[in-house]
Amino acid sequence: MAEETMGYEKVERQIEISEDVGYRKALKRRQIQMIAVGGAIGTGLFLGAGGRFALAGPALVFVYALCGFFAFLVMRALGELIMHRPSSGSFVSYAREFYGEKMAFTVGWMYWLNWAMTSVADVTAAALYMNFFQQYVPWLQGIPQWVFALTALVLVLGMNLLSVKVFGELEFWFSLLKVSSLVMFLGIGIYFVVTGTPIDGHTPGLSLITGNGGFFPHGILPALIIVQGVVFAYAAIEVIGTTAGESENVQAVIPGAIRSVVLRLVVFYVGSVLLLAVLLPYTAYSAGESPFVTFFGKLGYNDVAIIMNLVVLTAVLSSLNAGLYSTGRILHSLAASGSAPAVLMKMNKAGVPYIGVAVTAVVTMIGVGLNAIVPSSAFEIALNVAALGIISAWGVIILCQLKLWHKARRGELTRPAFRMMGAPYTGILTLVFLAGVLVLMAFDYPTGTWTMASLVVIVPLLAAGWYLMRHRRAEVAVVKFQAEQEPA
């Protein structure tokens, strides 16, 4: 039994080495902490909240609180897995360890689909924000939306290919700007609520909710249907798992970064949405414009509105930057295990898996095309498809933690000190929630319904990909076998 265990550990070590070879341990504590903070602050909040308010009203506050709770549980589960074994392959690597290569293949490619579609949403959001500037900058007028989308993609792609050190530094400052702007908004918004200073003829306070149909002006169903969009708003919190393979001191940095999630989810998400609800009637917000920009515009501070629009544009570039970073590493992990073409393992001198990054960038060009063909629908289409990927990723994270818990209970391994609270019950509850989101998405006609229907295409493509990569997996299996035969 001891010899079998030793052989298993050697094989796992071989996989881990192939996943992480070539990476630079260049991400510092301050960068990891700020990436963790900024990861959950992106397009979904800065742009998506406007359309969600219009659809569901102030009920959006409760939806953000609910989704935030489950996002936190996912982060705790991922944190335990990271402490168990840090890897740049993140949950794809853990899926391989606990459920085998087929699970890793499926979730890896679904997660890639998530970020590819998120990148489409991000370049679309960047283009929409640039449309806002057209009314103030004459020479921008008349430029098609797709040109702005393409420019955003080229700019971020260039930055991402430099090095992980550049990525970490960019994300640090991007995240710092996002956090600072939200703190500024919270301060100004609280001032207007406390003083009761009218905004655009409306007196801030709960009366703006009670006097406009209450928290559920359109009923409960619209609030339930927008859950998948809010889940997307929390997407990117799991990127911290990918950074673990390029962190200087994982054991010291990751737990602290994850523990800070609760405070920022409550303050930045639920707090911001609640404040927006009591500053203006929900009917003042609309899809296609950031609710924060709407707020400052209603104040009559056009200069501040322009600055805020610049901030949310930066947030979009940050999200796009994180997406290209994450998918490059995930594709590298898939290639290392034989579930993707070997070319995706190639790295440049700076330790960046540039082929994987470039593949995602090429797919993001679809977003540029959507902005040329259906500019008004591009964001919602991309958001819904991305939600499928993020739900599958979160589900697998929970499943892997449950398997880790089960193995620890049987004495096969030891759970780390930093662990998922309330396991296994909190994990099971999270899986039920994620399944419910998929059901709700199916009822969100037409976009959500067609998104679920897209599984008719996605599932056969995954099956075909698994079949086509059989020779690559066979080659990697030989390497694993040779590692298993090496003397202890």
Protein backbone atom coordinates (compact mmCIF):
# COMPACT_ATOMS: atom_id res chain seq x y z
CA MET A 1 0.00 0.00 0.00
CA ALA A 2 2.84 2.37 0.85
CA GLU A 3 4.51 1.69 -2.51
CA GLU A 4 1.23 2.39 -4.37
CA THR A 5 0.81 5.68 -2.50
CA MET A 6 4.40 6.67 -3.26
CA GLY A 7 3.88 5.92 -6.95
CA TYR A 8 0.69 7.98 -7.01
CA GLU A 9 2.49 10.92 -5.39
CA LYS A 10 5.27 10.75 -7.97
CA VAL A 11 2.80 10.83 -10.84
CA GLU A 12 0.96 13.78 -9.29
CA ARG A 13 4.26 15.56 -8.78
CA GLN A 14 5.14 14.99 -12.43
CA ILE A 15 1.84 16.58 -13.51
CA GLU A 16 2.35 19.49 -11.16
CA ILE A 17 5.86 20.13 -12.48
CA SER A 18 4.69 20.04 -16.11
CA GLU A 19 1.93 22.53 -15.28
CA ASP A 20 4.11 25.03 -13.46
CA VAL A 21 7.44 24.74 -15.29
CA GLY A 22 8.55 28.01 -16.88
CA TYR A 23 6.46 30.31 -14.69
CA ARG A 24 8.08 33.13 -12.73
CA LYS A 25 7.36 33.45 -9.00
CA ALA A 26 6.97 37.18 -9.50
CA LEU A 27 3.64 38.11 -7.91
CA LYS A 28 4.14 39.89 -4.59
CA ARG A 29 1.92 40.06 -1.51
CA ARG A 30 0.52 43.53 -2.28
CA GLN A 31 -0.29 42.47 -5.84
CA ILE A 32 -2.05 39.26 -4.77
CA GLN A 33 -4.03 41.15 -2.14
CA MET A 34 -5.14 43.82 -4.60
CA ILE A 35 -5.92 41.26 -7.33
CA ALA A 36 -8.15 39.51 -4.79
CA VAL A 37 -9.86 42.81 -3.98
CA GLY A 38 -10.20 43.98 -7.56
CA GLY A 39 -11.08 40.59 -9.03
CA ALA A 40 -14.69 40.87 -7.87
CA ILE A 41 -15.07 44.47 -9.06
CA GLY A 42 -15.55 44.62 -12.78
CA THR A 43 -17.90 44.92 -15.71
CA GLY A 44 -20.78 43.12 -13.99
CA LEU A 45 -21.03 45.81 -11.30
CA PHE A 46 -19.91 48.89 -13.17
CA LEU A 47 -22.03 48.31 -16.28
CA GLY A 48 -24.36 45.36 -15.65
CA ALA A 49 -25.98 46.87 -12.54
CA GLY A 50 -27.67 49.58 -14.61
CA GLY A 51 -29.63 47.13 -16.74
CA ARG A 52 -30.39 44.94 -13.72
CA PHE A 53 -31.91 47.90 -11.86
CA ALA A 54 -34.14 48.64 -14.84
CA LEU A 55 -35.35 45.02 -14.96
CA ALA A 56 -35.82 44.14 -11.28
CA GLY A 57 -35.71 47.39 -9.34
CA PRO A 58 -34.26 47.64 -5.79
CA ALA A 59 -34.62 43.86 -5.41
CA LEU A 60 -31.17 43.87 -6.97
CA VAL A 61 -29.80 44.53 -3.47
CA PHE A 62 -31.05 41.16 -2.21
CA VAL A 63 -29.84 39.37 -5.33
CA TYR A 64 -26.33 40.77 -4.87
CA ALA A 65 -26.34 39.75 -1.20
CA LEU A 66 -27.46 36.20 -2.05
CA CYS A 67 -24.95 35.69 -4.85
CA GLY A 68 -22.22 37.29 -2.74
CA PHE A 69 -22.79 34.74 0.03
CA PHE A 70 -22.33 31.82 -2.35
CA ALA A 71 -19.37 33.51 -4.06
CA PHE A 72 -17.71 33.68 -0.64
CA LEU A 73 -18.32 29.96 -0.07
CA VAL A 74 -16.72 29.19 -3.44
CA MET A 75 -13.69 31.28 -2.44
CA ARG A 76 -13.33 29.41 0.85
CA ALA A 77 -13.53 26.08 -0.95
CA LEU A 78 -10.90 27.21 -3.46
CA GLY A 79 -8.71 28.49 -0.63
CA GLU A 80 -8.69 25.07 0.99
CA LEU A 81 -7.73 23.45 -2.32
CA ILE A 82 -4.90 25.96 -2.81
CA MET A 83 -3.54 25.25 0.67
CA HIS A 84 -3.76 21.55 -0.15
CA ARG A 85 -1.62 22.00 -3.30
CA PRO A 86 -0.87 25.36 -4.97
CA SER A 87 -0.96 25.17 -8.78
CA SER A 88 -1.21 27.54 -11.73
CA GLY A 89 -3.71 25.03 -13.14
CA SER A 90 -6.07 26.03 -10.30
CA PHE A 91 -9.32 24.07 -10.15
CA VAL A 92 -8.55 22.33 -13.47
CA SER A 93 -5.60 20.73 -11.75
CA TYR A 94 -7.75 19.80 -8.73
CA ALA A 95 -10.43 18.33 -10.99
CA ARG A 96 -7.74 16.14 -12.53
CA GLU A 97 -6.47 15.06 -9.11
CA PHE A 98 -9.85 14.19 -7.61
CA TYR A 99 -12.02 13.20 -10.59
CA GLY A 100 -9.70 12.37 -13.46
CA GLU A 101 -8.74 13.79 -16.82
CA LYS A 102 -12.23 13.83 -18.33
CA MET A 103 -13.52 16.19 -15.65
CA ALA A 104 -10.41 18.39 -15.98
CA PHE A 105 -10.84 18.51 -19.76
CA THR A 106 -14.50 19.54 -19.51
CA VAL A 107 -14.16 22.20 -16.82
CA GLY A 108 -10.94 23.56 -18.32
CA TRP A 109 -12.50 24.19 -21.69
CA MET A 110 -15.75 25.49 -20.16
CA TYR A 111 -13.74 27.93 -18.07
CA TRP A 112 -11.86 29.01 -21.14
CA LEU A 113 -15.23 29.58 -22.83
CA ASN A 114 -16.28 31.68 -19.83
CA TRP A 115 -13.29 33.97 -20.07
CA ALA A 116 -13.39 34.12 -23.85
CA MET A 117 -17.00 35.31 -23.64
CA THR A 118 -16.16 37.59 -20.71
CA SER A 119 -13.51 39.15 -22.91
CA VAL A 120 -16.18 39.68 -25.55
CA ALA A 121 -18.36 41.38 -22.90
CA ASP A 122 -15.39 43.45 -21.76
CA VAL A 123 -14.44 44.77 -25.19
CA THR A 124 -18.14 45.53 -25.74
CA ALA A 125 -18.32 47.42 -22.44
CA ALA A 126 -15.15 49.32 -23.34
CA ALA A 127 -16.75 50.34 -26.64
CA LEU A 128 -19.95 51.45 -24.86
CA TYR A 129 -17.95 53.58 -22.44
CA MET A 130 -16.13 55.18 -25.36
CA ASN A 131 -19.51 55.96 -26.91
CA PHE A 132 -20.19 58.04 -23.77
CA PHE A 133 -17.07 60.13 -24.47
CA GLN A 134 -18.25 60.92 -28.00
CA GLN A 135 -20.63 63.59 -26.71
CA TYR A 136 -17.73 65.45 -25.11
CA VAL A 137 -14.87 64.78 -27.55
CA PRO A 138 -15.76 65.91 -31.09
CA TRP A 139 -13.06 63.96 -32.89
CA LEU A 140 -14.40 60.69 -31.42
CA GLN A 141 -17.82 61.24 -32.96
CA GLY A 142 -18.66 59.01 -35.88
CA ILE A 143 -16.17 56.27 -34.95
CA PRO A 144 -17.95 52.87 -35.08
CA GLN A 145 -18.36 50.93 -31.83
CA TRP A 146 -16.34 47.99 -33.15
CA VAL A 147 -13.24 50.17 -33.60
CA PHE A 148 -13.23 50.96 -29.87
CA ALA A 149 -13.65 47.26 -29.08
CA LEU A 150 -10.71 46.31 -31.30
CA THR A 151 -8.50 49.02 -29.80
CA ALA A 152 -9.20 47.79 -26.26
CA LEU A 153 -8.31 44.22 -27.22
CA VAL A 154 -5.02 45.15 -28.94
CA LEU A 155 -3.96 47.39 -26.03
CA VAL A 156 -4.58 44.80 -23.30
CA LEU A 157 -3.16 41.92 -25.35
CA GLY A 158 0.10 43.81 -25.75
CA MET A 159 0.33 44.44 -21.99
CA ASN A 160 -0.49 40.84 -21.13
CA LEU A 161 2.27 39.38 -23.28
CA LEU A 162 5.06 41.27 -21.50
CA SER A 163 5.45 39.37 -18.20
CA VAL A 164 3.58 38.25 -15.11
CA LYS A 165 5.35 41.04 -13.22
CA VAL A 166 3.80 43.59 -15.59
CA PHE A 167 0.42 41.88 -15.25
CA GLY A 168 0.64 42.00 -11.44
CA GLU A 169 1.65 45.65 -11.43
CA LEU A 170 -1.10 46.63 -13.87
CA GLU A 171 -3.73 44.76 -11.88
CA PHE A 172 -2.47 46.36 -8.66
CA TRP A 173 -3.01 49.87 -10.01
CA PHE A 174 -6.20 48.97 -11.89
CA SER A 175 -7.66 47.47 -8.71
CA LEU A 176 -6.48 50.38 -6.58
CA LEU A 177 -8.23 52.80 -8.94
CA LYS A 178 -11.44 50.76 -8.88
CA VAL A 179 -11.48 50.50 -5.10
CA SER A 180 -10.64 54.18 -4.66
CA SER A 181 -13.43 55.26 -7.00
CA LEU A 182 -15.98 53.11 -5.19
CA VAL A 183 -14.83 54.50 -1.83
CA MET A 184 -15.29 58.01 -3.26
CA PHE A 185 -18.78 57.14 -4.50
CA LEU A 186 -19.74 55.62 -1.15
CA GLY A 187 -18.55 58.74 0.69
CA ILE A 188 -20.40 61.16 -1.61
CA GLY A 189 -23.52 59.00 -1.73
CA ILE A 190 -23.71 58.65 2.06
CA TYR A 191 -23.35 62.44 2.36
CA PHE A 192 -26.40 63.00 0.12
CA VAL A 193 -28.46 60.42 2.03
CA VAL A 194 -27.54 61.79 5.47
CA THR A 195 -28.11 65.44 4.51
CA GLY A 196 -31.18 64.72 2.38
CA THR A 197 -29.85 66.95 -0.40
CA PRO A 198 -32.14 66.54 -3.46
CA ILE A 199 -30.74 64.95 -6.62
CA ASP A 200 -32.47 65.74 -9.90
CA GLY A 201 -35.64 66.65 -7.96
CA HIS A 202 -35.60 63.51 -5.79
CA THR A 203 -34.86 63.40 -2.04
CA PRO A 204 -32.48 60.50 -1.23
CA GLY A 205 -33.72 57.88 1.20
CA LEU A 206 -35.82 54.73 1.55
CA SER A 207 -38.82 56.71 0.28
CA LEU A 208 -37.37 56.35 -3.22
CA ILE A 209 -37.88 52.60 -2.80
CA THR A 210 -41.21 52.55 -0.96
CA GLY A 211 -42.66 55.27 -3.18
CA ASN A 212 -41.76 53.51 -6.42
CA GLY A 213 -43.24 50.05 -5.99
CA GLY A 214 -41.09 48.80 -3.10
CA PHE A 215 -38.19 46.39 -3.42
CA PHE A 216 -40.06 44.24 -5.96
CA PRO A 217 -41.81 46.71 -8.29
CA HIS A 218 -42.07 44.10 -11.07
CA GLY A 219 -42.62 41.08 -8.83
CA ILE A 220 -40.28 38.32 -7.65
CA LEU A 221 -39.77 36.55 -10.99
CA PRO A 222 -37.66 39.32 -12.63
CA ALA A 223 -35.48 39.39 -9.51
CA LEU A 224 -34.93 35.65 -9.77
CA ILE A 225 -34.20 35.71 -13.49
CA ILE A 226 -31.39 38.27 -13.15
CA VAL A 227 -29.50 36.01 -10.73
CA GLN A 228 -27.32 34.62 -13.53
CA GLY A 229 -26.28 38.13 -14.51
CA VAL A 230 -25.31 38.92 -10.93
CA VAL A 231 -23.36 35.66 -10.68
CA PHE A 232 -21.39 36.93 -13.67
CA ALA A 233 -20.69 40.12 -11.71
CA TYR A 234 -18.83 38.03 -9.12
CA ALA A 235 -16.90 36.12 -11.77
CA ALA A 236 -13.10 36.54 -11.54
CA ILE A 237 -12.89 35.96 -7.79
CA GLU A 238 -11.50 32.51 -8.67
CA VAL A 239 -8.55 34.05 -10.58
CA ILE A 240 -6.67 34.11 -7.28
CA GLY A 241 -6.40 30.33 -7.62
CA THR A 242 -4.51 30.74 -10.88
CA THR A 243 -2.11 33.25 -9.32
CA ALA A 244 -1.10 30.68 -6.68
CA GLY A 245 1.44 29.07 -9.02
CA GLU A 246 3.20 32.42 -9.52
CA SER A 247 3.09 33.73 -5.94
CA GLU A 248 6.17 34.20 -3.80
CA ASN A 249 4.63 32.93 -0.54
CA VAL A 250 1.34 31.13 -1.09
CA GLN A 251 0.84 29.87 2.47
CA ALA A 252 1.09 33.37 3.92
CA VAL A 253 -0.63 35.41 1.21
CA ILE A 254 -3.65 33.43 -0.05
CA PRO A 255 -5.56 32.93 3.25
CA GLY A 256 -5.36 36.62 4.09
CA ALA A 257 -6.49 37.60 0.61
CA ILE A 258 -9.50 35.27 0.76
CA ARG A 259 -10.50 36.31 4.29
CA SER A 260 -10.85 39.88 3.06
CA VAL A 261 -13.52 38.78 0.57
CA VAL A 262 -16.42 39.09 3.02
CA LEU A 263 -15.82 42.76 3.80
CA ARG A 264 -15.38 43.84 0.20
CA LEU A 265 -18.38 41.85 -1.03
CA VAL A 266 -20.61 43.46 1.58
CA VAL A 267 -19.23 47.00 1.22
CA PHE A 268 -18.42 47.29 -2.48
CA TYR A 269 -21.23 45.22 -3.96
CA VAL A 270 -24.21 45.13 -1.64
CA GLY A 271 -23.35 48.54 -0.15
CA SER A 272 -22.93 50.23 -3.53
CA VAL A 273 -26.13 48.76 -4.98
CA LEU A 274 -28.13 49.69 -1.85
CA LEU A 275 -26.77 53.23 -2.00
CA LEU A 276 -27.65 53.55 -5.67
CA ALA A 277 -31.20 52.42 -4.84
CA VAL A 278 -31.72 55.16 -2.22
CA LEU A 279 -30.02 57.95 -4.19
CA LEU A 280 -32.22 57.82 -7.29
CA PRO A 281 -35.38 55.97 -8.37
CA TYR A 282 -34.50 52.68 -10.01
CA THR A 283 -36.11 54.00 -13.23
CA ALA A 284 -33.26 56.51 -13.55
CA TYR A 285 -30.82 53.70 -14.38
CA SER A 286 -30.61 51.97 -17.73
CA ALA A 287 -28.70 49.33 -19.65
CA GLY A 288 -25.72 50.56 -21.60
CA GLU A 289 -24.65 53.17 -19.04
CA SER A 290 -22.90 52.67 -15.72
CA PRO A 291 -25.24 53.53 -12.81
CA PHE A 292 -22.32 55.36 -11.19
CA VAL A 293 -21.97 57.57 -14.24
CA THR A 294 -25.74 58.10 -14.19
CA PHE A 295 -25.57 59.24 -10.55
CA PHE A 296 -22.84 61.81 -11.10
CA GLY A 297 -24.55 62.96 -14.30
CA LYS A 298 -27.78 63.61 -12.38
CA LEU A 299 -25.79 65.70 -9.91
CA GLY A 300 -24.89 67.96 -12.80
CA TYR A 301 -21.21 67.27 -12.32
CA ASN A 302 -20.38 66.39 -15.91
CA ASP A 303 -16.65 66.54 -15.23
CA VAL A 304 -17.02 63.98 -12.41
CA ALA A 305 -19.23 61.82 -14.62
CA ILE A 306 -16.53 61.84 -17.29
CA ILE A 307 -13.89 60.87 -14.72
CA MET A 308 -16.12 58.09 -13.38
CA ASN A 309 -16.67 56.81 -16.90
CA LEU A 310 -12.90 56.75 -17.32
CA VAL A 311 -12.63 54.74 -14.09
CA VAL A 312 -15.18 52.15 -15.24
CA LEU A 313 -13.37 51.96 -18.57
CA THR A 314 -10.23 51.14 -16.61
CA ALA A 315 -12.19 48.46 -14.72
CA VAL A 316 -13.15 46.85 -18.01
CA LEU A 317 -9.54 46.83 -19.20
CA SER A 318 -8.60 45.26 -15.86
CA SER A 319 -11.16 42.49 -16.33
CA LEU A 320 -9.97 41.87 -19.88
CA ASN A 321 -6.39 41.79 -18.64
CA ALA A 322 -7.28 39.20 -15.98
CA GLY A 323 -9.20 37.13 -18.52
CA LEU A 324 -6.30 36.86 -20.95
CA TYR A 325 -3.96 36.07 -18.05
CA SER A 326 -6.18 33.33 -16.62
CA THR A 327 -7.06 31.57 -19.87
CA GLY A 328 -3.44 31.48 -20.97
CA ARG A 329 -2.55 29.55 -17.79
CA ILE A 330 -5.60 27.28 -18.00
CA LEU A 331 -4.84 26.32 -21.61
CA HIS A 332 -1.22 25.69 -20.61
CA SER A 333 -2.44 23.33 -17.87
CA LEU A 334 -4.71 21.49 -20.31
CA ALA A 335 -1.86 21.13 -22.80
CA ALA A 336 0.48 19.81 -20.09
CA SER A 337 -1.98 17.01 -19.34
CA GLY A 338 -2.65 16.15 -22.98
CA SER A 339 -6.12 17.70 -23.14
CA ALA A 340 -5.07 20.48 -25.51
CA PRO A 341 -2.54 20.84 -28.36
CA ALA A 342 1.10 20.86 -27.18
CA VAL A 343 1.69 24.24 -28.85
CA LEU A 344 -0.35 25.86 -26.06
CA MET A 345 2.48 25.04 -23.63
CA LYS A 346 4.87 27.41 -25.39
CA MET A 347 6.15 30.33 -23.32
CA ASN A 348 8.08 33.44 -24.19
CA LYS A 349 11.24 34.51 -22.40
CA ALA A 350 9.20 36.38 -19.79
CA GLY A 351 7.41 33.17 -18.73
CA VAL A 352 4.09 34.04 -20.40
CA PRO A 353 2.15 31.22 -22.17
CA TYR A 354 1.72 33.50 -25.14
CA ILE A 355 0.05 31.02 -27.50
CA GLY A 356 -2.77 30.40 -25.01
CA VAL A 357 -3.19 34.13 -24.47
CA ALA A 358 -3.24 34.72 -28.22
CA VAL A 359 -5.87 32.01 -28.81
CA THR A 360 -8.26 33.72 -26.39
CA ALA A 361 -7.53 37.06 -28.05
CA VAL A 362 -8.43 35.62 -31.46
CA VAL A 363 -11.77 34.36 -30.11
CA THR A 364 -12.37 37.76 -28.53
CA MET A 365 -12.35 39.08 -32.08
CA ILE A 366 -15.84 37.56 -32.23
CA GLY A 367 -16.77 40.29 -29.80
CA VAL A 368 -15.46 42.89 -32.20
CA GLY A 369 -17.65 41.32 -34.88
CA LEU A 370 -20.72 41.35 -32.62
CA ASN A 371 -20.13 45.03 -31.96
CA ALA A 372 -20.22 45.60 -35.71
CA ILE A 373 -23.31 43.44 -36.37
CA VAL A 374 -25.49 43.68 -33.22
CA PRO A 375 -23.94 46.44 -31.06
CA SER A 376 -27.02 46.75 -28.84
CA SER A 377 -27.12 43.02 -27.93
CA ALA A 378 -23.43 42.06 -27.89
CA PHE A 379 -22.98 42.57 -24.13
CA GLU A 380 -26.00 40.49 -23.05
CA ILE A 381 -25.18 37.64 -25.47
CA ALA A 382 -21.61 37.38 -24.20
CA LEU A 383 -22.66 37.70 -20.55
CA ASN A 384 -25.10 34.79 -20.69
CA VAL A 385 -22.70 32.41 -22.43
CA ALA A 386 -19.98 33.39 -19.95
CA ALA A 387 -22.34 32.55 -17.08
CA LEU A 388 -22.40 28.91 -18.22
CA GLY A 389 -18.63 28.70 -17.90
CA ILE A 390 -18.45 30.37 -14.50
CA ILE A 391 -21.23 28.18 -13.06
CA SER A 392 -19.42 25.04 -14.22
CA ALA A 393 -16.13 26.30 -12.76
CA TRP A 394 -17.67 27.16 -9.40
CA GLY A 395 -19.47 23.82 -9.34
CA VAL A 396 -16.25 21.89 -9.93
CA ILE A 397 -14.44 23.88 -7.22
CA ILE A 398 -17.14 22.81 -4.75
CA LEU A 399 -17.06 19.20 -5.98
CA CYS A 400 -13.28 19.05 -5.56
CA GLN A 401 -13.50 20.43 -2.01
CA LEU A 402 -16.17 17.85 -1.18
CA LYS A 403 -13.90 15.10 -2.51
CA LEU A 404 -11.01 16.46 -0.46
CA TRP A 405 -13.27 16.48 2.62
CA HIS A 406 -14.34 12.89 1.89
CA LYS A 407 -10.76 11.66 1.46
CA ALA A 408 -9.70 13.39 4.67
CA ARG A 409 -12.58 11.73 6.50
CA ARG A 410 -11.33 8.36 5.26
CA GLY A 411 -7.81 9.18 6.42
CA GLU A 412 -6.31 9.30 2.90
CA LEU A 413 -5.04 12.88 3.33
CA THR A 414 -5.05 15.74 5.83
CA ARG A 415 -7.15 18.84 5.34
CA PRO A 416 -5.19 22.11 5.59
CA ALA A 417 -5.81 24.48 8.50
CA PHE A 418 -7.49 26.99 6.16
CA ARG A 419 -10.66 25.22 5.10
CA MET A 420 -14.27 25.49 3.93
CA MET A 421 -16.49 26.17 6.91
CA GLY A 422 -19.55 23.99 7.42
CA ALA A 423 -18.35 21.32 4.98
CA PRO A 424 -19.91 19.29 3.49
CA TYR A 425 -23.30 20.98 4.02
CA THR A 426 -22.27 24.42 2.74
CA GLY A 427 -20.84 22.79 -0.38
CA ILE A 428 -24.04 20.86 -1.08
CA LEU A 429 -26.09 24.04 -0.55
CA THR A 430 -23.87 25.88 -3.05
CA LEU A 431 -24.34 23.15 -5.66
CA VAL A 432 -28.13 23.40 -5.24
CA PHE A 433 -27.91 27.16 -5.71
CA LEU A 434 -25.83 26.83 -8.90
CA ALA A 435 -28.26 24.27 -10.31
CA GLY A 436 -31.09 26.69 -9.56
CA VAL A 437 -29.29 29.44 -11.47
CA LEU A 438 -29.20 27.23 -14.57
CA VAL A 439 -32.94 26.60 -14.29
CA LEU A 440 -33.63 30.33 -13.93
CA MET A 441 -31.43 31.05 -16.92
CA ALA A 442 -33.56 28.76 -19.07
CA PHE A 443 -36.62 30.89 -18.23
CA ASP A 444 -34.89 34.15 -19.21
CA TYR A 445 -36.32 34.29 -22.73
CA PRO A 446 -34.95 34.85 -25.29
CA THR A 447 -31.26 35.35 -24.38
CA GLY A 448 -31.07 32.95 -21.43
CA THR A 449 -33.19 30.30 -23.13
CA TRP A 450 -31.01 30.36 -26.23
CA THR A 451 -27.90 30.27 -24.02
CA MET A 452 -29.06 27.03 -22.40
CA ALA A 453 -29.96 25.74 -25.85
CA SER A 454 -26.36 26.40 -26.92
CA LEU A 455 -25.39 23.38 -24.79
CA VAL A 456 -26.73 21.31 -27.69
CA VAL A 457 -23.71 22.61 -29.62
CA ILE A 458 -21.19 22.94 -26.76
CA VAL A 459 -21.55 19.38 -25.41
CA PRO A 460 -20.90 17.66 -28.79
CA LEU A 461 -17.93 19.98 -29.35
CA LEU A 462 -16.47 18.95 -25.98
CA ALA A 463 -17.03 15.28 -26.86
CA ALA A 464 -15.36 15.76 -30.24
CA GLY A 465 -12.44 17.58 -28.61
CA TRP A 466 -11.97 14.76 -26.13
CA TYR A 467 -11.87 12.27 -29.00
CA LEU A 468 -9.49 14.36 -31.14
CA MET A 469 -7.01 14.78 -28.27
CA ARG A 470 -6.74 11.04 -27.55
CA HIS A 471 -3.25 10.82 -29.11
CA ARG A 472 -1.95 13.71 -26.99
CA ARG A 473 -3.30 12.11 -23.82
CA ALA A 474 -1.64 8.84 -24.81
CA GLU A 475 1.72 10.62 -25.14
CA VAL A 476 1.36 12.23 -21.74
CA ALA A 477 0.27 8.90 -20.25
CA VAL A 478 3.62 7.43 -21.33
CA VAL A 479 5.45 10.21 -19.47
CA LYS A 480 3.34 9.55 -16.39
CA PHE A 481 4.07 5.84 -16.60
CA GLN A 482 7.81 6.51 -16.85
CA ALA A 483 7.63 8.77 -13.80
CA GLU A 484 5.81 6.05 -11.90
CA GLN A 485 8.55 3.54 -12.72
CA GLU A 486 11.35 5.76 -11.40
CA PRO A 487 12.89 4.49 -8.15
CA ALA A 488 11.83 6.28 -4.97
